[in-house]
PDB file of N, CA and C in Angstrom:
ATOM      1  N   MET A   1     168.080  -5.532 101.253  1.00  0.00           N
ATOM      2  CA  MET A   1     168.717  -4.249 101.037  1.00  0.00           C
ATOM      3  C   MET A   1     167.815  -3.096 101.445  1.00  0.00           C
ATOM      4  N   CYS A   2     166.514  -3.266 101.306  1.00  0.00           N
ATOM      5  CA  CYS A   2     165.592  -2.217 101.714  1.00  0.00           C
ATOM      6  C   CYS A   2     164.286  -2.855 102.175  1.00  0.00           C
ATOM      7  N   SER A   3     163.511  -2.082 102.895  1.00  0.00           N
ATOM      8  CA  SER A   3     162.242  -2.621 103.380  1.00  0.00           C
ATOM      9  C   SER A   3     161.225  -2.627 102.242  1.00  0.00           C
ATOM     10  N   ALA A   4     160.084  -3.184 102.511  1.00  0.00           N
ATOM     11  CA  ALA A   4     159.057  -3.333 101.481  1.00  0.00           C
ATOM     12  C   ALA A   4     158.319  -2.025 101.197  1.00  0.00           C
ATOM     13  N   GLU A   5     158.557  -1.006 101.997  1.00  0.00           N
ATOM     14  CA  GLU A   5     157.869   0.262 101.789  1.00  0.00           C
ATOM     15  C   GLU A   5     158.486   1.004 100.600  1.00  0.00           C
ATOM     16  N   PRO A   6     157.665   1.485  99.671  1.00  0.00           N
ATOM     17  CA  PRO A   6     158.205   2.165  98.485  1.00  0.00           C
ATOM     18  C   PRO A   6     158.982   3.426  98.812  1.00  0.00           C
ATOM     19  N   ILE A   7     158.624   4.108  99.891  1.00  0.00           N
ATOM     20  CA  ILE A   7     159.319   5.355 100.206  1.00  0.00           C
ATOM     21  C   ILE A   7     160.779   5.100 100.585  1.00  0.00           C
ATOM     22  N   ASN A   8     161.076   3.906 101.108  1.00  0.00           N
ATOM     23  CA  ASN A   8     162.454   3.568 101.454  1.00  0.00           C
ATOM     24  C   ASN A   8     163.168   2.827 100.337  1.00  0.00           C
ATOM     25  N   CYS A   9     162.443   2.055  99.579  1.00  0.00           N
ATOM     26  CA  CYS A   9     163.062   1.190  98.593  1.00  0.00           C
ATOM     27  C   CYS A   9     163.451   1.937  97.316  1.00  0.00           C
ATOM     28  N   PHE A  10     162.680   2.904  96.899  1.00  0.00           N
ATOM     29  CA  PHE A  10     162.948   3.596  95.647  1.00  0.00           C
ATOM     30  C   PHE A  10     164.302   4.309  95.634  1.00  0.00           C
ATOM     31  N   PRO A  11     164.673   5.075  96.673  1.00  0.00           N
ATOM     32  CA  PRO A  11     165.998   5.702  96.643  1.00  0.00           C
ATOM     33  C   PRO A  11     167.145   4.694  96.599  1.00  0.00           C
ATOM     34  N   VAL A  12     166.987   3.568  97.259  1.00  0.00           N
ATOM     35  CA  VAL A  12     168.025   2.539  97.229  1.00  0.00           C
ATOM     36  C   VAL A  12     168.137   1.959  95.824  1.00  0.00           C
ATOM     37  N   LEU A  13     167.014   1.715  95.195  1.00  0.00           N
ATOM     38  CA  LEU A  13     167.015   1.193  93.828  1.00  0.00           C
ATOM     39  C   LEU A  13     167.674   2.177  92.860  1.00  0.00           C
ATOM     40  N   VAL A  14     167.358   3.451  92.980  1.00  0.00           N
ATOM     41  CA  VAL A  14     167.969   4.473  92.123  1.00  0.00           C
ATOM     42  C   VAL A  14     169.473   4.528  92.351  1.00  0.00           C
ATOM     43  N   ASN A  15     169.899   4.422  93.564  1.00  0.00           N
ATOM     44  CA  ASN A  15     171.326   4.444  93.882  1.00  0.00           C
ATOM     45  C   ASN A  15     172.042   3.246  93.263  1.00  0.00           C
ATOM     46  N   ILE A  16     171.454   2.072  93.375  1.00  0.00           N
ATOM     47  CA  ILE A  16     172.072   0.871  92.805  1.00  0.00           C
ATOM     48  C   ILE A  16     172.181   0.997  91.287  1.00  0.00           C
ATOM     49  N   LEU A  17     171.107   1.442  90.652  1.00  0.00           N
ATOM     50  CA  LEU A  17     171.132   1.590  89.199  1.00  0.00           C
ATOM     51  C   LEU A  17     172.131   2.657  88.750  1.00  0.00           C
ATOM     52  N   SER A  18     172.168   3.769  89.443  1.00  0.00           N
ATOM     53  CA  SER A  18     173.089   4.841  89.070  1.00  0.00           C
ATOM     54  C   SER A  18     174.540   4.395  89.200  1.00  0.00           C
ATOM     55  N   ASN A  19     174.862   3.733  90.280  1.00  0.00           N
ATOM     56  CA  ASN A  19     176.232   3.268  90.463  1.00  0.00           C
ATOM     57  C   ASN A  19     176.586   2.158  89.470  1.00  0.00           C
ATOM     58  N   THR A  20     175.605   1.351  89.092  1.00  0.00           N
ATOM     59  CA  THR A  20     175.855   0.324  88.073  1.00  0.00           C
ATOM     60  C   THR A  20     176.179   0.961  86.732  1.00  0.00           C
ATOM     61  N   PHE A  21     175.417   1.993  86.354  1.00  0.00           N
ATOM     62  CA  PHE A  21     175.706   2.680  85.097  1.00  0.00           C
ATOM     63  C   PHE A  21     177.055   3.386  85.140  1.00  0.00           C
ATOM     64  N   LEU A  22     177.418   3.928  86.272  1.00  0.00           N
ATOM     65  CA  LEU A  22     178.740   4.564  86.380  1.00  0.00           C
ATOM     66  C   LEU A  22     179.854   3.539  86.213  1.00  0.00           C
ATOM     67  N   ARG A  23     179.682   2.356  86.770  1.00  0.00           N
ATOM     68  CA  ARG A  23     180.695   1.312  86.616  1.00  0.00           C
ATOM     69  C   ARG A  23     180.787   0.830  85.172  1.00  0.00           C
ATOM     70  N   LEU A  24     179.645   0.790  84.489  1.00  0.00           N
ATOM     71  CA  LEU A  24     179.655   0.377  83.079  1.00  0.00           C
ATOM     72  C   LEU A  24     180.470   1.341  82.210  1.00  0.00           C
ATOM     73  N   TYR A  25     180.460   2.607  82.574  1.00  0.00           N
ATOM     74  CA  TYR A  25     181.212   3.610  81.811  1.00  0.00           C
ATOM     75  C   TYR A  25     182.599   3.869  82.393  1.00  0.00           C
ATOM     76  N   ASN A  26     183.076   2.938  83.209  1.00  0.00           N
ATOM     77  CA  ASN A  26     184.425   2.971  83.783  1.00  0.00           C
ATOM     78  C   ASN A  26     184.699   4.229  84.605  1.00  0.00           C
ATOM     79  N   SER A  27     183.740   4.636  85.340  1.00  0.00           N
ATOM     80  CA  SER A  27     183.911   5.802  86.199  1.00  0.00           C
ATOM     81  C   SER A  27     184.322   5.343  87.591  1.00  0.00           C
ATOM     82  N   THR A  28     185.151   6.140  88.232  1.00  0.00           N
ATOM     83  CA  THR A  28     185.566   5.814  89.605  1.00  0.00           C
ATOM     84  C   THR A  28     184.706   6.542  90.639  1.00  0.00           C
ATOM     85  N   GLU A  29     183.840   7.402  90.175  1.00  0.00           N
ATOM     86  CA  GLU A  29     182.969   8.151  91.089  1.00  0.00           C
ATOM     87  C   GLU A  29     181.797   7.287  91.529  1.00  0.00           C
ATOM     88  N   ARG A  30     181.232   7.640  92.657  1.00  0.00           N
ATOM     89  CA  ARG A  30     180.054   6.956  93.180  1.00  0.00           C
ATOM     90  C   ARG A  30     178.998   7.996  93.543  1.00  0.00           C
ATOM     91  N   ILE A  31     177.761   7.592  93.436  1.00  0.00           N
ATOM     92  CA  ILE A  31     176.648   8.454  93.839  1.00  0.00           C
ATOM     93  C   ILE A  31     176.124   7.959  95.168  1.00  0.00           C
ATOM     94  N   ARG A  32     176.054   8.878  96.111  1.00  0.00           N
ATOM     95  CA  ARG A  32     175.474   8.546  97.410  1.00  0.00           C
ATOM     96  C   ARG A  32     174.084   9.150  97.464  1.00  0.00           C
ATOM     97  N   LEU A  33     173.149   8.366  97.938  1.00  0.00           N
ATOM     98  CA  LEU A  33     171.758   8.788  97.965  1.00  0.00           C
ATOM     99  C   LEU A  33     171.181   8.468  99.329  1.00  0.00           C
ATOM    100  N   TRP A  34     170.433   9.387  99.886  1.00  0.00           N
ATOM    101  CA  TRP A  34     169.773   9.117 101.166  1.00  0.00           C
ATOM    102  C   TRP A  34     168.392   9.745 101.136  1.00  0.00           C
ATOM    103  N   SER A  35     167.561   9.223 101.961  1.00  0.00           N
ATOM    104  CA  SER A  35     166.168   9.660 102.013  1.00  0.00           C
ATOM    105  C   SER A  35     165.805  10.019 103.443  1.00  0.00           C
ATOM    106  N   GLU A  36     165.246  11.215 103.600  1.00  0.00           N
ATOM    107  CA  GLU A  36     164.722  11.643 104.892  1.00  0.00           C
ATOM    108  C   GLU A  36     163.281  12.105 104.659  1.00  0.00           C
ATOM    109  N   PRO A  37     162.326  11.186 104.655  1.00  0.00           N
ATOM    110  CA  PRO A  37     160.956  11.579 104.340  1.00  0.00           C
ATOM    111  C   PRO A  37     160.321  12.490 105.384  1.00  0.00           C
ATOM    112  N   PHE A  38     160.814  12.452 106.608  1.00  0.00           N
ATOM    113  CA  PHE A  38     160.262  13.292 107.666  1.00  0.00           C
ATOM    114  C   PHE A  38     161.340  14.221 108.200  1.00  0.00           C
ATOM    115  N   TYR A  39     161.934  14.972 107.307  1.00  0.00           N
ATOM    116  CA  TYR A  39     163.014  15.884 107.691  1.00  0.00           C
ATOM    117  C   TYR A  39     162.473  16.970 108.604  1.00  0.00           C
ATOM    118  N   SER A  40     163.170  17.230 109.666  1.00  0.00           N
ATOM    119  CA  SER A  40     162.741  18.214 110.645  1.00  0.00           C
ATOM    120  C   SER A  40     163.803  19.281 110.785  1.00  0.00           C
ATOM    121  N   THR A  41     163.371  20.533 110.802  1.00  0.00           N
ATOM    122  CA  THR A  41     164.310  21.638 110.961  1.00  0.00           C
ATOM    123  C   THR A  41     164.327  22.159 112.387  1.00  0.00           C
ATOM    124  N   GLN A  42     163.629  21.470 113.284  1.00  0.00           N
ATOM    125  CA  GLN A  42     163.580  21.930 114.665  1.00  0.00           C
ATOM    126  C   GLN A  42     164.914  21.697 115.352  1.00  0.00           C
ATOM    127  N   SER A  43     165.229  22.610 116.244  1.00  0.00           N
ATOM    128  CA  SER A  43     166.456  22.466 117.009  1.00  0.00           C
ATOM    129  C   SER A  43     166.231  21.504 118.173  1.00  0.00           C
ATOM    130  N   PRO A  44     167.310  20.956 118.729  1.00  0.00           N
ATOM    131  CA  PRO A  44     167.152  20.047 119.881  1.00  0.00           C
ATOM    132  C   PRO A  44     166.506  20.719 121.085  1.00  0.00           C
ATOM    133  N   GLU A  45     166.695  22.043 121.224  1.00  0.00           N
ATOM    134  CA  GLU A  45     166.081  22.740 122.357  1.00  0.00           C
ATOM    135  C   GLU A  45     164.564  22.709 122.251  1.00  0.00           C
ATOM    136  N   VAL A  46     164.040  22.872 121.040  1.00  0.00           N
ATOM    137  CA  VAL A  46     162.593  22.837 120.845  1.00  0.00           C
ATOM    138  C   VAL A  46     162.065  21.439 121.140  1.00  0.00           C
ATOM    139  N   GLU A  47     162.783  20.424 120.703  1.00  0.00           N
ATOM    140  CA  GLU A  47     162.353  19.060 120.962  1.00  0.00           C
ATOM    141  C   GLU A  47     162.356  18.746 122.452  1.00  0.00           C
ATOM    142  N   SER A  48     163.350  19.238 123.176  1.00  0.00           N
ATOM    143  CA  SER A  48     163.377  18.986 124.615  1.00  0.00           C
ATOM    144  C   SER A  48     162.263  19.755 125.316  1.00  0.00           C
ATOM    145  N   ASP A  49     161.940  20.966 124.834  1.00  0.00           N
ATOM    146  CA  ASP A  49     160.825  21.715 125.417  1.00  0.00           C
ATOM    147  C   ASP A  49     159.507  20.982 125.199  1.00  0.00           C
ATOM    148  N   ILE A  50     159.309  20.462 124.008  1.00  0.00           N
ATOM    149  CA  ILE A  50     158.081  19.708 123.726  1.00  0.00           C
ATOM    150  C   ILE A  50     158.007  18.471 124.608  1.00  0.00           C
ATOM    151  N   PHE A  51     159.150  17.807 124.802  1.00  0.00           N
ATOM    152  CA  PHE A  51     159.178  16.629 125.655  1.00  0.00           C
ATOM    153  C   PHE A  51     158.776  16.974 127.086  1.00  0.00           C
ATOM    154  N   PHE A  52     159.315  18.072 127.641  1.00  0.00           N
ATOM    155  CA  PHE A  52     159.004  18.434 129.025  1.00  0.00           C
ATOM    156  C   PHE A  52     157.565  18.916 129.173  1.00  0.00           C
ATOM    157  N   ILE A  53     157.029  19.551 128.158  1.00  0.00           N
ATOM    158  CA  ILE A  53     155.624  19.960 128.212  1.00  0.00           C
ATOM    159  C   ILE A  53     154.725  18.724 128.237  1.00  0.00           C
ATOM    160  N   CYS A  54     155.011  17.769 127.378  1.00  0.00           N
ATOM    161  CA  CYS A  54     154.222  16.528 127.362  1.00  0.00           C
ATOM    162  C   CYS A  54     154.389  15.748 128.659  1.00  0.00           C
ATOM    163  N   LEU A  55     155.606  15.708 129.175  1.00  0.00           N
ATOM    164  CA  LEU A  55     155.848  14.999 130.432  1.00  0.00           C
ATOM    165  C   LEU A  55     155.075  15.641 131.581  1.00  0.00           C
ATOM    166  N   SER A  56     155.093  16.967 131.669  1.00  0.00           N
ATOM    167  CA  SER A  56     154.371  17.627 132.755  1.00  0.00           C
ATOM    168  C   SER A  56     152.866  17.420 132.609  1.00  0.00           C
ATOM    169  N   TYR A  57     152.361  17.440 131.388  1.00  0.00           N
ATOM    170  CA  TYR A  57     150.933  17.178 131.165  1.00  0.00           C
ATOM    171  C   TYR A  57     150.571  15.769 131.611  1.00  0.00           C
ATOM    172  N   MET A  58     151.409  14.795 131.274  1.00  0.00           N
ATOM    173  CA  MET A  58     151.135  13.411 131.665  1.00  0.00           C
ATOM    174  C   MET A  58     151.202  13.244 133.183  1.00  0.00           C
ATOM    175  N   LEU A  59     152.120  13.937 133.840  1.00  0.00           N
ATOM    176  CA  LEU A  59     152.202  13.842 135.302  1.00  0.00           C
ATOM    177  C   LEU A  59     150.967  14.440 135.963  1.00  0.00           C
ATOM    178  N   ILE A  60     150.487  15.561 135.443  1.00  0.00           N
ATOM    179  CA  ILE A  60     149.271  16.166 135.993  1.00  0.00           C
ATOM    180  C   ILE A  60     148.079  15.247 135.757  1.00  0.00           C
ATOM    181  N   LEU A  61     148.012  14.666 134.578  1.00  0.00           N
ATOM    182  CA  LEU A  61     146.922  13.737 134.263  1.00  0.00           C
ATOM    183  C   LEU A  61     146.990  12.504 135.160  1.00  0.00           C
ATOM    184  N   ALA A  62     148.190  11.969 135.367  1.00  0.00           N
ATOM    185  CA  ALA A  62     148.346  10.786 136.214  1.00  0.00           C
ATOM    186  C   ALA A  62     148.011  11.104 137.669  1.00  0.00           C
ATOM    187  N   ALA A  63     148.274  12.329 138.093  1.00  0.00           N
ATOM    188  CA  ALA A  63     147.950  12.707 139.472  1.00  0.00           C
ATOM    189  C   ALA A  63     146.446  12.850 139.675  1.00  0.00           C
ATOM    190  N   GLY A  64     145.708  13.152 138.617  1.00  0.00           N
ATOM    191  CA  GLY A  64     144.269  13.348 138.752  1.00  0.00           C
ATOM    192  C   GLY A  64     143.436  12.101 138.566  1.00  0.00           C
ATOM    193  N   LEU A  65     144.000  11.051 138.031  1.00  0.00           N
ATOM    194  CA  LEU A  65     143.209   9.852 137.766  1.00  0.00           C
ATOM    195  C   LEU A  65     142.833   9.059 139.021  1.00  0.00           C
ATOM    196  N   PRO A  66     143.741   8.791 139.952  1.00  0.00           N
ATOM    197  CA  PRO A  66     143.347   8.004 141.133  1.00  0.00           C
ATOM    198  C   PRO A  66     142.214   8.633 141.952  1.00  0.00           C
ATOM    199  N   PRO A  67     142.202   9.951 142.195  1.00  0.00           N
ATOM    200  CA  PRO A  67     141.047  10.515 142.913  1.00  0.00           C
ATOM    201  C   PRO A  67     139.742  10.361 142.145  1.00  0.00           C
ATOM    202  N   HIS A  68     139.821  10.418 140.826  1.00  0.00           N
ATOM    203  CA  HIS A  68     138.606  10.235 140.017  1.00  0.00           C
ATOM    204  C   HIS A  68     138.019   8.843 140.242  1.00  0.00           C
ATOM    205  N   PHE A  69     138.862   7.835 140.257  1.00  0.00           N
ATOM    206  CA  PHE A  69     138.372   6.483 140.479  1.00  0.00           C
ATOM    207  C   PHE A  69     137.856   6.313 141.904  1.00  0.00           C
ATOM    208  N   ALA A  70     138.500   6.957 142.868  1.00  0.00           N
ATOM    209  CA  ALA A  70     138.051   6.847 144.264  1.00  0.00           C
ATOM    210  C   ALA A  70     136.688   7.497 144.443  1.00  0.00           C
ATOM    211  N   VAL A  71     136.482   8.666 143.849  1.00  0.00           N
ATOM    212  CA  VAL A  71     135.186   9.351 143.966  1.00  0.00           C
ATOM    213  C   VAL A  71     134.109   8.536 143.272  1.00  0.00           C
ATOM    214  N   SER A  72     134.429   7.972 142.125  1.00  0.00           N
ATOM    215  CA  SER A  72     133.462   7.146 141.409  1.00  0.00           C
ATOM    216  C   SER A  72     133.067   5.925 142.237  1.00  0.00           C
ATOM    217  N   SER A  73     134.031   5.334 142.909  1.00  0.00           N
ATOM    218  CA  SER A  73     133.747   4.169 143.743  1.00  0.00           C
ATOM    219  C   SER A  73     132.892   4.555 144.942  1.00  0.00           C
ATOM    220  N   MET A  74     133.140   5.727 145.527  1.00  0.00           N
ATOM    221  CA  MET A  74     132.342   6.176 146.678  1.00  0.00           C
ATOM    222  C   MET A  74     130.904   6.466 146.261  1.00  0.00           C
ATOM    223  N   GLU A  75     130.716   7.033 145.085  1.00  0.00           N
ATOM    224  CA  GLU A  75     129.356   7.296 144.613  1.00  0.00           C
ATOM    225  C   GLU A  75     128.609   5.991 144.389  1.00  0.00           C
ATOM    226  N   ASP A  76     129.294   4.989 143.867  1.00  0.00           N
ATOM    227  CA  ASP A  76     128.676   3.676 143.692  1.00  0.00           C
ATOM    228  C   ASP A  76     128.290   3.075 145.048  1.00  0.00           C
ATOM    229  N   TYR A  77     129.113   3.296 146.039  1.00  0.00           N
ATOM    230  CA  TYR A  77     128.834   2.763 147.377  1.00  0.00           C
ATOM    231  C   TYR A  77     127.621   3.465 147.997  1.00  0.00           C
ATOM    232  N   LYS A  78     127.521   4.804 147.762  1.00  0.00           N
ATOM    233  CA  LYS A  78     126.419   5.557 148.350  1.00  0.00           C
ATOM    234  C   LYS A  78     125.071   5.137 147.762  1.00  0.00           C
ATOM    235  N   VAL A  79     125.019   4.883 146.470  1.00  0.00           N
ATOM    236  CA  VAL A  79     123.751   4.511 145.871  1.00  0.00           C
ATOM    237  C   VAL A  79     123.537   3.005 145.893  1.00  0.00           C
ATOM    238  N   LYS A  80     124.468   2.283 146.480  1.00  0.00           N
ATOM    239  CA  LYS A  80     124.416   0.830 146.653  1.00  0.00           C
ATOM    240  C   LYS A  80     124.184   0.125 145.323  1.00  0.00           C
ATOM    241  N   SER A  81     125.030   0.464 144.345  1.00  0.00           N
ATOM    242  CA  SER A  81     124.888  -0.118 143.017  1.00  0.00           C
ATOM    243  C   SER A  81     125.544  -1.489 142.908  1.00  0.00           C
ATOM    244  N   MET A  82     126.259  -1.911 143.926  1.00  0.00           N
ATOM    245  CA  MET A  82     126.933  -3.201 143.850  1.00  0.00           C
ATOM    246  C   MET A  82     126.102  -4.288 144.384  1.00  0.00           C
TER     247      MET A  82
END
């Protein structure tokens, strides 16, 4: 019914107990319970902006890595370290 993590299991346990007590008192109502431990108020536009900023940073980083390895290899060749 729930994972072993207490942050997820406790709300489920409270919901089961609450609904059990309501049934014992012949109530037709139900209690719905949900947990959002990492609730975010950011809009989707902000999330997409963050995604594109990270993507552009990764592309710039990926573009700079191959020349770094090539220069390092040439320096090793010049000093005959192999």
